[in-house]
Amino acid sequence: MDKQLATTTEARATLAFATHDHGRCVQQALSQARAACAERGARLTQLREEVLRLVWQSHRPVGAYALLEMLGARAGSRRRQPGPPTVYRALEFLREQGFVHRVESLNAYVGCQIGAGPHDHQLYICRGCGATLESAQPAIRAAVARYGEEVGFAVESMALEVIGLCPACADRKPA
């Protein structure tokens, strides 16, 4: 199996799950979200931005209640901790804007690695460490659309979750 996957159709193939400057990922995601919201006239509140920052703390899916705990730890005694409905509303806004994806199988969220806006995607989720790679492969979309046509199903959007082992976890797996 080829361990190289492109995260966008235009990008040259990059090694999946590679070590990188993650701080740059976070800053790039926040910058992109600010710009997209300004362009769209959407309001990226301080809480929404903080939730996005926390989702982007790693390339691993994170649940709403874990985010709630992280927000509480950051707030300390300075300000009131938001309740679950507030965090869920922030996540829904971020999802609608295309800044995060909901990982249905884990009831969690992960930062969008491709771009701000709705798009078909595949999430490759490591069952060992939780690292997640997002990809948008046209051939996969085309295959799903072809099958949909064969069975009379009109495909409107696609989010595919693929569970397996990242290269690091696969290397640690006993033979």
N, C-alpha and C. Protein backbone atom coordinates (compact mmCIF):
# COMPACT_ATOMS: atom_id res chain seq x y z
N MET A 1 0.84 -1.18 0.00
CA MET A 1 0.00 0.00 0.00
C MET A 1 0.88 1.25 0.00
N ASP A 2 0.53 2.22 -0.80
CA ASP A 2 1.27 3.48 -0.87
C ASP A 2 0.94 4.32 0.35
N LYS A 3 1.98 4.74 1.09
CA LYS A 3 1.77 5.54 2.29
C LYS A 3 1.65 7.02 1.96
N GLN A 4 1.64 7.37 0.69
CA GLN A 4 1.53 8.77 0.30
C GLN A 4 0.09 9.07 -0.10
N LEU A 5 -0.48 10.12 0.50
CA LEU A 5 -1.84 10.54 0.17
C LEU A 5 -1.83 12.06 -0.01
N ALA A 6 -2.49 12.53 -1.02
CA ALA A 6 -2.62 13.97 -1.19
C ALA A 6 -3.79 14.45 -0.35
N THR A 7 -3.60 15.57 0.34
CA THR A 7 -4.70 16.12 1.13
C THR A 7 -5.58 17.02 0.27
N THR A 8 -5.12 17.44 -0.87
CA THR A 8 -5.96 18.14 -1.83
C THR A 8 -5.61 17.60 -3.20
N THR A 9 -6.50 17.82 -4.14
CA THR A 9 -6.25 17.31 -5.48
C THR A 9 -5.11 18.06 -6.16
N GLU A 10 -4.89 19.34 -5.82
CA GLU A 10 -3.83 20.11 -6.44
C GLU A 10 -2.47 19.88 -5.80
N ALA A 11 -2.47 19.55 -4.53
CA ALA A 11 -1.21 19.44 -3.79
C ALA A 11 -0.44 18.20 -4.22
N ARG A 12 0.89 18.34 -4.18
CA ARG A 12 1.68 17.15 -4.44
C ARG A 12 1.51 16.22 -3.25
N ALA A 13 1.72 14.95 -3.47
CA ALA A 13 1.52 13.98 -2.41
C ALA A 13 2.43 14.29 -1.22
N THR A 14 1.89 14.18 -0.04
CA THR A 14 2.66 14.39 1.17
C THR A 14 2.56 13.15 2.03
N LEU A 15 3.58 12.90 2.82
CA LEU A 15 3.57 11.73 3.67
C LEU A 15 2.50 11.90 4.74
N ALA A 16 1.56 10.99 4.76
CA ALA A 16 0.47 11.06 5.72
C ALA A 16 0.99 10.93 7.14
N PHE A 17 0.42 11.70 8.03
CA PHE A 17 0.70 11.63 9.46
C PHE A 17 2.14 12.00 9.79
N ALA A 18 2.78 12.81 8.96
CA ALA A 18 4.18 13.19 9.17
C ALA A 18 4.32 14.19 10.30
N THR A 19 5.48 14.19 10.95
CA THR A 19 5.80 15.18 11.97
C THR A 19 5.94 16.53 11.27
N HIS A 20 5.38 17.56 11.88
CA HIS A 20 5.41 18.88 11.26
C HIS A 20 5.25 19.95 12.33
N ASP A 21 5.33 21.20 11.93
CA ASP A 21 5.15 22.34 12.84
C ASP A 21 3.66 22.52 13.06
N HIS A 22 3.15 21.91 14.12
CA HIS A 22 1.71 21.94 14.34
C HIS A 22 1.21 23.33 14.74
N GLY A 23 2.04 24.11 15.39
CA GLY A 23 1.66 25.48 15.73
C GLY A 23 1.29 26.27 14.48
N ARG A 24 1.99 25.97 13.40
CA ARG A 24 1.69 26.63 12.13
C ARG A 24 0.32 26.18 11.61
N CYS A 25 -0.02 24.91 11.79
CA CYS A 25 -1.35 24.41 11.39
C CYS A 25 -2.44 25.19 12.11
N VAL A 26 -2.28 25.35 13.42
CA VAL A 26 -3.28 26.04 14.24
C VAL A 26 -3.42 27.48 13.76
N GLN A 27 -2.30 28.18 13.61
CA GLN A 27 -2.35 29.58 13.18
C GLN A 27 -2.95 29.72 11.79
N GLN A 28 -2.62 28.81 10.90
CA GLN A 28 -3.17 28.85 9.55
C GLN A 28 -4.68 28.63 9.57
N ALA A 29 -5.15 27.68 10.38
CA ALA A 29 -6.59 27.41 10.48
C ALA A 29 -7.33 28.62 11.04
N LEU A 30 -6.78 29.24 12.08
CA LEU A 30 -7.41 30.42 12.67
C LEU A 30 -7.44 31.58 11.69
N SER A 31 -6.33 31.80 11.00
CA SER A 31 -6.25 32.88 10.02
C SER A 31 -7.26 32.67 8.89
N GLN A 32 -7.34 31.44 8.41
CA GLN A 32 -8.27 31.11 7.33
C GLN A 32 -9.71 31.30 7.80
N ALA A 33 -10.02 30.91 9.04
CA ALA A 33 -11.37 31.07 9.57
C ALA A 33 -11.73 32.55 9.70
N ARG A 34 -10.80 33.35 10.21
CA ARG A 34 -11.06 34.80 10.35
C ARG A 34 -11.35 35.42 8.99
N ALA A 35 -10.53 35.10 8.01
CA ALA A 35 -10.70 35.66 6.67
C ALA A 35 -12.02 35.21 6.04
N ALA A 36 -12.34 33.93 6.16
CA ALA A 36 -13.57 33.40 5.58
C ALA A 36 -14.79 34.04 6.24
N CYS A 37 -14.76 34.20 7.55
CA CYS A 37 -15.89 34.82 8.25
C CYS A 37 -16.04 36.28 7.84
N ALA A 38 -14.93 37.00 7.72
CA ALA A 38 -14.99 38.40 7.30
C ALA A 38 -15.59 38.50 5.90
N GLU A 39 -15.18 37.61 5.01
CA GLU A 39 -15.67 37.60 3.63
C GLU A 39 -17.16 37.26 3.57
N ARG A 40 -17.58 36.33 4.42
CA ARG A 40 -18.97 35.86 4.41
C ARG A 40 -19.91 36.70 5.27
N GLY A 41 -19.34 37.56 6.09
CA GLY A 41 -20.17 38.33 7.02
C GLY A 41 -20.64 37.48 8.19
N ALA A 42 -19.92 36.40 8.48
CA ALA A 42 -20.24 35.52 9.61
C ALA A 42 -19.45 36.00 10.83
N ARG A 43 -20.00 35.78 11.99
CA ARG A 43 -19.39 36.29 13.22
C ARG A 43 -18.57 35.20 13.92
N LEU A 44 -17.26 35.35 13.91
CA LEU A 44 -16.36 34.43 14.61
C LEU A 44 -16.11 35.03 16.00
N THR A 45 -16.96 34.66 16.94
CA THR A 45 -16.85 35.21 18.30
C THR A 45 -15.60 34.68 18.99
N GLN A 46 -15.29 35.28 20.11
CA GLN A 46 -14.12 34.84 20.89
C GLN A 46 -14.28 33.38 21.29
N LEU A 47 -15.47 32.98 21.72
CA LEU A 47 -15.69 31.59 22.12
C LEU A 47 -15.56 30.64 20.92
N ARG A 48 -16.14 30.99 19.78
CA ARG A 48 -16.03 30.15 18.59
C ARG A 48 -14.57 29.99 18.17
N GLU A 49 -13.82 31.08 18.23
CA GLU A 49 -12.40 31.01 17.88
C GLU A 49 -11.64 30.13 18.87
N GLU A 50 -11.98 30.24 20.15
CA GLU A 50 -11.31 29.42 21.17
C GLU A 50 -11.63 27.94 20.97
N VAL A 51 -12.88 27.63 20.65
CA VAL A 51 -13.26 26.23 20.37
C VAL A 51 -12.50 25.73 19.16
N LEU A 52 -12.40 26.54 18.11
CA LEU A 52 -11.64 26.14 16.92
C LEU A 52 -10.18 25.90 17.27
N ARG A 53 -9.60 26.78 18.07
CA ARG A 53 -8.20 26.61 18.49
C ARG A 53 -8.03 25.29 19.25
N LEU A 54 -8.95 24.96 20.11
CA LEU A 54 -8.86 23.72 20.89
C LEU A 54 -9.03 22.49 20.01
N VAL A 55 -9.94 22.56 19.04
CA VAL A 55 -10.11 21.43 18.11
C VAL A 55 -8.81 21.21 17.36
N TRP A 56 -8.12 22.29 17.02
CA TRP A 56 -6.89 22.19 16.25
C TRP A 56 -5.65 21.91 17.09
N GLN A 57 -5.79 21.68 18.38
CA GLN A 57 -4.62 21.40 19.22
C GLN A 57 -3.91 20.12 18.79
N SER A 58 -4.61 19.26 18.08
CA SER A 58 -3.98 18.06 17.52
C SER A 58 -4.77 17.66 16.28
N HIS A 59 -4.27 16.70 15.56
CA HIS A 59 -5.00 16.17 14.40
C HIS A 59 -5.80 14.96 14.84
N ARG A 60 -6.30 15.00 16.07
CA ARG A 60 -7.11 13.91 16.61
C ARG A 60 -8.51 14.43 16.89
N PRO A 61 -9.54 13.63 16.61
CA PRO A 61 -10.90 14.07 16.92
C PRO A 61 -11.07 14.31 18.42
N VAL A 62 -11.85 15.32 18.76
CA VAL A 62 -12.10 15.66 20.15
C VAL A 62 -13.60 15.85 20.34
N GLY A 63 -14.11 15.32 21.46
CA GLY A 63 -15.53 15.40 21.76
C GLY A 63 -15.92 16.72 22.39
N ALA A 64 -17.19 17.03 22.35
CA ALA A 64 -17.70 18.29 22.89
C ALA A 64 -17.44 18.41 24.40
N TYR A 65 -17.60 17.32 25.13
CA TYR A 65 -17.39 17.41 26.58
C TYR A 65 -15.90 17.56 26.93
N ALA A 66 -15.02 17.00 26.11
CA ALA A 66 -13.59 17.23 26.32
C ALA A 66 -13.27 18.70 26.05
N LEU A 67 -13.90 19.27 25.03
CA LEU A 67 -13.72 20.69 24.75
C LEU A 67 -14.23 21.54 25.91
N LEU A 68 -15.36 21.14 26.46
CA LEU A 68 -15.94 21.85 27.60
C LEU A 68 -14.97 21.86 28.78
N GLU A 69 -14.34 20.71 29.05
CA GLU A 69 -13.34 20.62 30.12
C GLU A 69 -12.14 21.52 29.84
N MET A 70 -11.67 21.51 28.59
CA MET A 70 -10.52 22.34 28.23
C MET A 70 -10.87 23.82 28.37
N LEU A 71 -12.07 24.20 27.96
CA LEU A 71 -12.49 25.59 28.10
C LEU A 71 -12.55 25.99 29.57
N GLY A 72 -13.05 25.09 30.41
CA GLY A 72 -13.12 25.35 31.85
C GLY A 72 -11.75 25.52 32.46
N ALA A 73 -10.81 24.68 32.03
CA ALA A 73 -9.44 24.77 32.56
C ALA A 73 -8.78 26.07 32.14
N ARG A 74 -9.05 26.51 30.92
CA ARG A 74 -8.47 27.76 30.44
C ARG A 74 -9.11 28.98 31.11
N ALA A 75 -10.40 28.87 31.39
CA ALA A 75 -11.11 30.01 31.99
C ALA A 75 -10.68 30.21 33.43
N GLY A 76 -10.44 29.10 34.15
CA GLY A 76 -10.08 29.20 35.56
C GLY A 76 -11.16 29.94 36.31
N SER A 77 -10.76 30.79 37.21
CA SER A 77 -11.74 31.55 37.99
C SER A 77 -12.02 32.91 37.35
N ARG A 78 -11.35 33.22 36.23
CA ARG A 78 -11.50 34.53 35.60
C ARG A 78 -12.90 34.74 35.03
N ARG A 79 -13.44 33.73 34.42
CA ARG A 79 -14.75 33.91 33.80
C ARG A 79 -15.56 32.63 33.93
N ARG A 80 -16.82 32.77 33.69
CA ARG A 80 -17.75 31.65 33.82
C ARG A 80 -17.53 30.62 32.70
N GLN A 81 -17.55 29.36 33.06
CA GLN A 81 -17.38 28.29 32.08
C GLN A 81 -18.66 28.16 31.26
N PRO A 82 -18.54 28.05 29.93
CA PRO A 82 -19.75 27.88 29.11
C PRO A 82 -20.38 26.50 29.36
N GLY A 83 -21.67 26.41 29.13
CA GLY A 83 -22.38 25.14 29.28
C GLY A 83 -22.33 24.33 28.00
N PRO A 84 -22.75 23.07 28.07
CA PRO A 84 -22.75 22.21 26.88
C PRO A 84 -23.49 22.80 25.68
N PRO A 85 -24.69 23.39 25.86
CA PRO A 85 -25.36 23.92 24.67
C PRO A 85 -24.54 25.00 23.95
N THR A 86 -23.81 25.79 24.70
CA THR A 86 -22.99 26.85 24.11
C THR A 86 -21.87 26.25 23.27
N VAL A 87 -21.24 25.20 23.79
CA VAL A 87 -20.15 24.55 23.05
C VAL A 87 -20.71 23.87 21.80
N TYR A 88 -21.86 23.21 21.93
CA TYR A 88 -22.46 22.57 20.76
C TYR A 88 -22.86 23.60 19.69
N ARG A 89 -23.35 24.76 20.11
CA ARG A 89 -23.69 25.82 19.14
C ARG A 89 -22.43 26.33 18.44
N ALA A 90 -21.35 26.49 19.19
CA ALA A 90 -20.08 26.92 18.58
C ALA A 90 -19.59 25.88 17.57
N LEU A 91 -19.66 24.61 17.93
CA LEU A 91 -19.24 23.54 17.03
C LEU A 91 -20.11 23.49 15.78
N GLU A 92 -21.41 23.71 15.95
CA GLU A 92 -22.31 23.70 14.80
C GLU A 92 -21.98 24.85 13.85
N PHE A 93 -21.71 26.03 14.40
CA PHE A 93 -21.30 27.17 13.58
C PHE A 93 -20.02 26.82 12.81
N LEU A 94 -19.03 26.28 13.50
CA LEU A 94 -17.75 25.94 12.87
C LEU A 94 -17.93 24.88 11.79
N ARG A 95 -18.84 23.92 12.04
CA ARG A 95 -19.13 22.88 11.05
C ARG A 95 -19.82 23.48 9.83
N GLU A 96 -20.82 24.33 10.07
CA GLU A 96 -21.55 24.95 8.97
C GLU A 96 -20.62 25.81 8.10
N GLN A 97 -19.65 26.45 8.70
CA GLN A 97 -18.71 27.29 7.97
C GLN A 97 -17.63 26.47 7.26
N GLY A 98 -17.54 25.17 7.58
CA GLY A 98 -16.55 24.30 6.95
C GLY A 98 -15.19 24.34 7.62
N PHE A 99 -15.13 24.77 8.89
CA PHE A 99 -13.86 24.84 9.61
C PHE A 99 -13.55 23.55 10.37
N VAL A 100 -14.57 22.77 10.68
CA VAL A 100 -14.40 21.49 11.36
C VAL A 100 -15.32 20.46 10.70
N HIS A 101 -15.00 19.19 10.90
CA HIS A 101 -15.85 18.09 10.46
C HIS A 101 -16.30 17.31 11.68
N ARG A 102 -17.52 16.81 11.63
CA ARG A 102 -18.00 15.93 12.68
C ARG A 102 -17.61 14.50 12.29
N VAL A 103 -16.95 13.83 13.20
CA VAL A 103 -16.57 12.42 12.99
C VAL A 103 -17.69 11.60 13.63
N GLU A 104 -18.61 11.16 12.81
CA GLU A 104 -19.82 10.49 13.29
C GLU A 104 -19.52 9.25 14.12
N SER A 105 -18.57 8.45 13.67
CA SER A 105 -18.29 7.18 14.35
C SER A 105 -17.74 7.39 15.76
N LEU A 106 -17.18 8.56 16.03
CA LEU A 106 -16.58 8.83 17.34
C LEU A 106 -17.35 9.90 18.13
N ASN A 107 -18.40 10.46 17.50
CA ASN A 107 -19.14 11.56 18.12
C ASN A 107 -18.16 12.65 18.55
N ALA A 108 -17.32 13.07 17.61
CA ALA A 108 -16.26 14.02 17.91
C ALA A 108 -16.06 14.94 16.70
N TYR A 109 -15.13 15.87 16.84
CA TYR A 109 -14.86 16.86 15.79
C TYR A 109 -13.37 16.93 15.52
N VAL A 110 -13.04 17.26 14.27
CA VAL A 110 -11.64 17.41 13.86
C VAL A 110 -11.57 18.63 12.94
N GLY A 111 -10.45 19.34 13.00
CA GLY A 111 -10.27 20.50 12.15
C GLY A 111 -10.21 20.13 10.69
N CYS A 112 -10.83 20.95 9.85
CA CYS A 112 -10.81 20.72 8.41
C CYS A 112 -9.42 21.05 7.89
N GLN A 113 -8.79 20.10 7.24
CA GLN A 113 -7.42 20.25 6.75
C GLN A 113 -7.36 20.71 5.30
N ILE A 114 -8.50 20.79 4.62
CA ILE A 114 -8.49 21.10 3.19
C ILE A 114 -8.82 22.56 2.91
N GLY A 115 -9.85 23.08 3.51
CA GLY A 115 -10.22 24.46 3.23
C GLY A 115 -11.56 24.78 3.85
N ALA A 116 -11.83 26.06 3.96
CA ALA A 116 -13.06 26.51 4.59
C ALA A 116 -14.20 26.46 3.58
N GLY A 117 -15.17 25.65 3.85
CA GLY A 117 -16.34 25.53 2.99
C GLY A 117 -16.74 24.08 2.85
N PRO A 118 -17.98 23.85 2.48
CA PRO A 118 -18.47 22.48 2.34
C PRO A 118 -17.73 21.75 1.21
N HIS A 119 -17.39 20.51 1.44
CA HIS A 119 -16.74 19.70 0.41
C HIS A 119 -16.82 18.23 0.81
N ASP A 120 -16.78 17.39 -0.21
CA ASP A 120 -16.71 15.96 0.04
C ASP A 120 -15.32 15.65 0.56
N HIS A 121 -15.24 14.67 1.46
CA HIS A 121 -13.93 14.35 2.02
C HIS A 121 -13.91 12.92 2.57
N GLN A 122 -12.69 12.46 2.78
CA GLN A 122 -12.46 11.18 3.44
C GLN A 122 -11.58 11.48 4.65
N LEU A 123 -11.90 10.85 5.76
CA LEU A 123 -11.09 10.98 6.97
C LEU A 123 -10.45 9.63 7.24
N TYR A 124 -9.14 9.60 7.30
CA TYR A 124 -8.38 8.40 7.62
C TYR A 124 -8.02 8.51 9.09
N ILE A 125 -8.67 7.69 9.92
CA ILE A 125 -8.57 7.80 11.37
C ILE A 125 -7.80 6.61 11.93
N CYS A 126 -6.70 6.88 12.63
CA CYS A 126 -5.90 5.81 13.21
C CYS A 126 -6.58 5.31 14.49
N ARG A 127 -6.86 4.03 14.54
CA ARG A 127 -7.49 3.46 15.74
C ARG A 127 -6.47 3.27 16.87
N GLY A 128 -5.18 3.42 16.55
CA GLY A 128 -4.14 3.31 17.56
C GLY A 128 -3.94 4.59 18.33
N CYS A 129 -3.65 5.67 17.62
CA CYS A 129 -3.33 6.94 18.28
C CYS A 129 -4.38 8.02 18.06
N GLY A 130 -5.31 7.80 17.14
CA GLY A 130 -6.35 8.78 16.88
C GLY A 130 -6.00 9.83 15.84
N ALA A 131 -4.75 9.85 15.37
CA ALA A 131 -4.37 10.84 14.36
C ALA A 131 -5.29 10.70 13.15
N THR A 132 -5.65 11.84 12.56
CA THR A 132 -6.61 11.84 11.47
C THR A 132 -6.08 12.67 10.30
N LEU A 133 -6.16 12.10 9.12
CA LEU A 133 -5.78 12.77 7.89
C LEU A 133 -7.03 12.98 7.06
N GLU A 134 -7.22 14.19 6.56
CA GLU A 134 -8.34 14.47 5.67
C GLU A 134 -7.84 14.46 4.24
N SER A 135 -8.64 13.90 3.36
CA SER A 135 -8.30 13.84 1.95
C SER A 135 -9.56 14.06 1.13
N ALA A 136 -9.39 14.57 -0.07
CA ALA A 136 -10.50 14.72 -1.01
C ALA A 136 -10.06 14.12 -2.33
N GLN A 137 -10.29 12.86 -2.50
CA GLN A 137 -9.84 12.15 -3.68
C GLN A 137 -10.99 12.06 -4.70
N PRO A 138 -10.85 12.70 -5.85
CA PRO A 138 -11.91 12.68 -6.86
C PRO A 138 -12.30 11.27 -7.30
N ALA A 139 -11.35 10.34 -7.34
CA ALA A 139 -11.66 8.98 -7.78
C ALA A 139 -12.63 8.30 -6.82
N ILE A 140 -12.49 8.58 -5.54
CA ILE A 140 -13.41 8.00 -4.55
C ILE A 140 -14.79 8.60 -4.73
N ARG A 141 -14.87 9.91 -4.88
CA ARG A 141 -16.15 10.58 -5.11
C ARG A 141 -16.82 10.04 -6.35
N ALA A 142 -16.04 9.86 -7.42
CA ALA A 142 -16.59 9.36 -8.68
C ALA A 142 -17.12 7.94 -8.53
N ALA A 143 -16.40 7.10 -7.80
CA ALA A 143 -16.86 5.71 -7.60
C ALA A 143 -18.17 5.69 -6.81
N VAL A 144 -18.27 6.52 -5.78
CA VAL A 144 -19.50 6.58 -4.99
C VAL A 144 -20.65 7.09 -5.86
N ALA A 145 -20.41 8.11 -6.66
CA ALA A 145 -21.44 8.67 -7.53
C ALA A 145 -21.90 7.64 -8.57
N ARG A 146 -20.93 6.89 -9.15
CA ARG A 146 -21.28 5.85 -10.13
C ARG A 146 -22.18 4.80 -9.51
N TYR A 147 -21.82 4.34 -8.33
CA TYR A 147 -22.64 3.32 -7.67
C TYR A 147 -24.01 3.90 -7.33
N GLY A 148 -24.04 5.13 -6.88
CA GLY A 148 -25.32 5.78 -6.59
C GLY A 148 -26.22 5.78 -7.81
N GLU A 149 -25.64 6.13 -8.96
CA GLU A 149 -26.41 6.12 -10.21
C GLU A 149 -26.94 4.72 -10.52
N GLU A 150 -26.10 3.70 -10.32
CA GLU A 150 -26.51 2.32 -10.61
C GLU A 150 -27.72 1.90 -9.79
N VAL A 151 -27.81 2.38 -8.57
CA VAL A 151 -28.92 1.97 -7.70
C VAL A 151 -30.01 3.03 -7.62
N GLY A 152 -29.88 4.08 -8.44
CA GLY A 152 -30.89 5.12 -8.48
C GLY A 152 -30.84 6.09 -7.30
N PHE A 153 -29.67 6.26 -6.73
CA PHE A 153 -29.49 7.14 -5.57
C PHE A 153 -28.74 8.39 -6.00
N ALA A 154 -29.30 9.56 -5.70
CA ALA A 154 -28.66 10.82 -6.06
C ALA A 154 -27.74 11.26 -4.92
N VAL A 155 -26.45 11.10 -5.10
CA VAL A 155 -25.48 11.48 -4.07
C VAL A 155 -25.40 13.00 -4.02
N GLU A 156 -25.61 13.56 -2.84
CA GLU A 156 -25.55 15.01 -2.66
C GLU A 156 -24.24 15.44 -2.00
N SER A 157 -23.79 14.68 -1.05
CA SER A 157 -22.51 14.97 -0.40
C SER A 157 -21.96 13.67 0.15
N MET A 158 -20.66 13.70 0.49
CA MET A 158 -20.04 12.48 0.97
C MET A 158 -18.99 12.81 2.03
N ALA A 159 -19.07 12.09 3.14
CA ALA A 159 -18.06 12.15 4.19
C ALA A 159 -17.77 10.70 4.56
N LEU A 160 -16.61 10.23 4.19
CA LEU A 160 -16.25 8.84 4.40
C LEU A 160 -15.24 8.74 5.53
N GLU A 161 -15.49 7.87 6.49
CA GLU A 161 -14.57 7.65 7.60
C GLU A 161 -13.90 6.30 7.42
N VAL A 162 -12.58 6.31 7.33
CA VAL A 162 -11.79 5.10 7.12
C VAL A 162 -10.97 4.87 8.39
N ILE A 163 -11.16 3.72 9.00
CA ILE A 163 -10.47 3.39 10.25
C ILE A 163 -9.34 2.41 9.94
N GLY A 164 -8.19 2.64 10.53
CA GLY A 164 -7.04 1.77 10.31
C GLY A 164 -5.90 2.19 11.20
N LEU A 165 -4.69 1.94 10.75
CA LEU A 165 -3.49 2.29 11.52
C LEU A 165 -2.62 3.23 10.71
N CYS A 166 -2.16 4.31 11.36
CA CYS A 166 -1.23 5.22 10.71
C CYS A 166 0.12 4.51 10.58
N PRO A 167 1.04 5.06 9.80
CA PRO A 167 2.34 4.40 9.63
C PRO A 167 3.07 4.12 10.96
N ALA A 168 3.04 5.07 11.89
CA ALA A 168 3.74 4.86 13.17
C ALA A 168 3.12 3.72 13.96
N CYS A 169 1.80 3.68 14.03
CA CYS A 169 1.13 2.62 14.79
C CYS A 169 1.24 1.27 14.08
N ALA A 170 1.19 1.27 12.76
CA ALA A 170 1.34 0.02 12.00
C ALA A 170 2.73 -0.57 12.21
N ASP A 171 3.75 0.30 12.32
CA ASP A 171 5.12 -0.16 12.56
C ASP A 171 5.26 -0.76 13.94
N ARG A 172 4.47 -0.30 14.91
CA ARG A 172 4.55 -0.81 16.28
C ARG A 172 3.75 -2.09 16.48
N LYS A 173 2.85 -2.39 15.55
CA LYS A 173 1.99 -3.56 15.66
C LYS A 173 2.83 -4.84 15.55
N PRO A 174 2.68 -5.77 16.50
CA PRO A 174 3.45 -7.02 16.43
C PRO A 174 3.08 -7.83 15.20
N ALA A 175 4.07 -8.45 14.62
CA ALA A 175 3.86 -9.24 13.39
C ALA A 175 3.06 -10.48 13.64
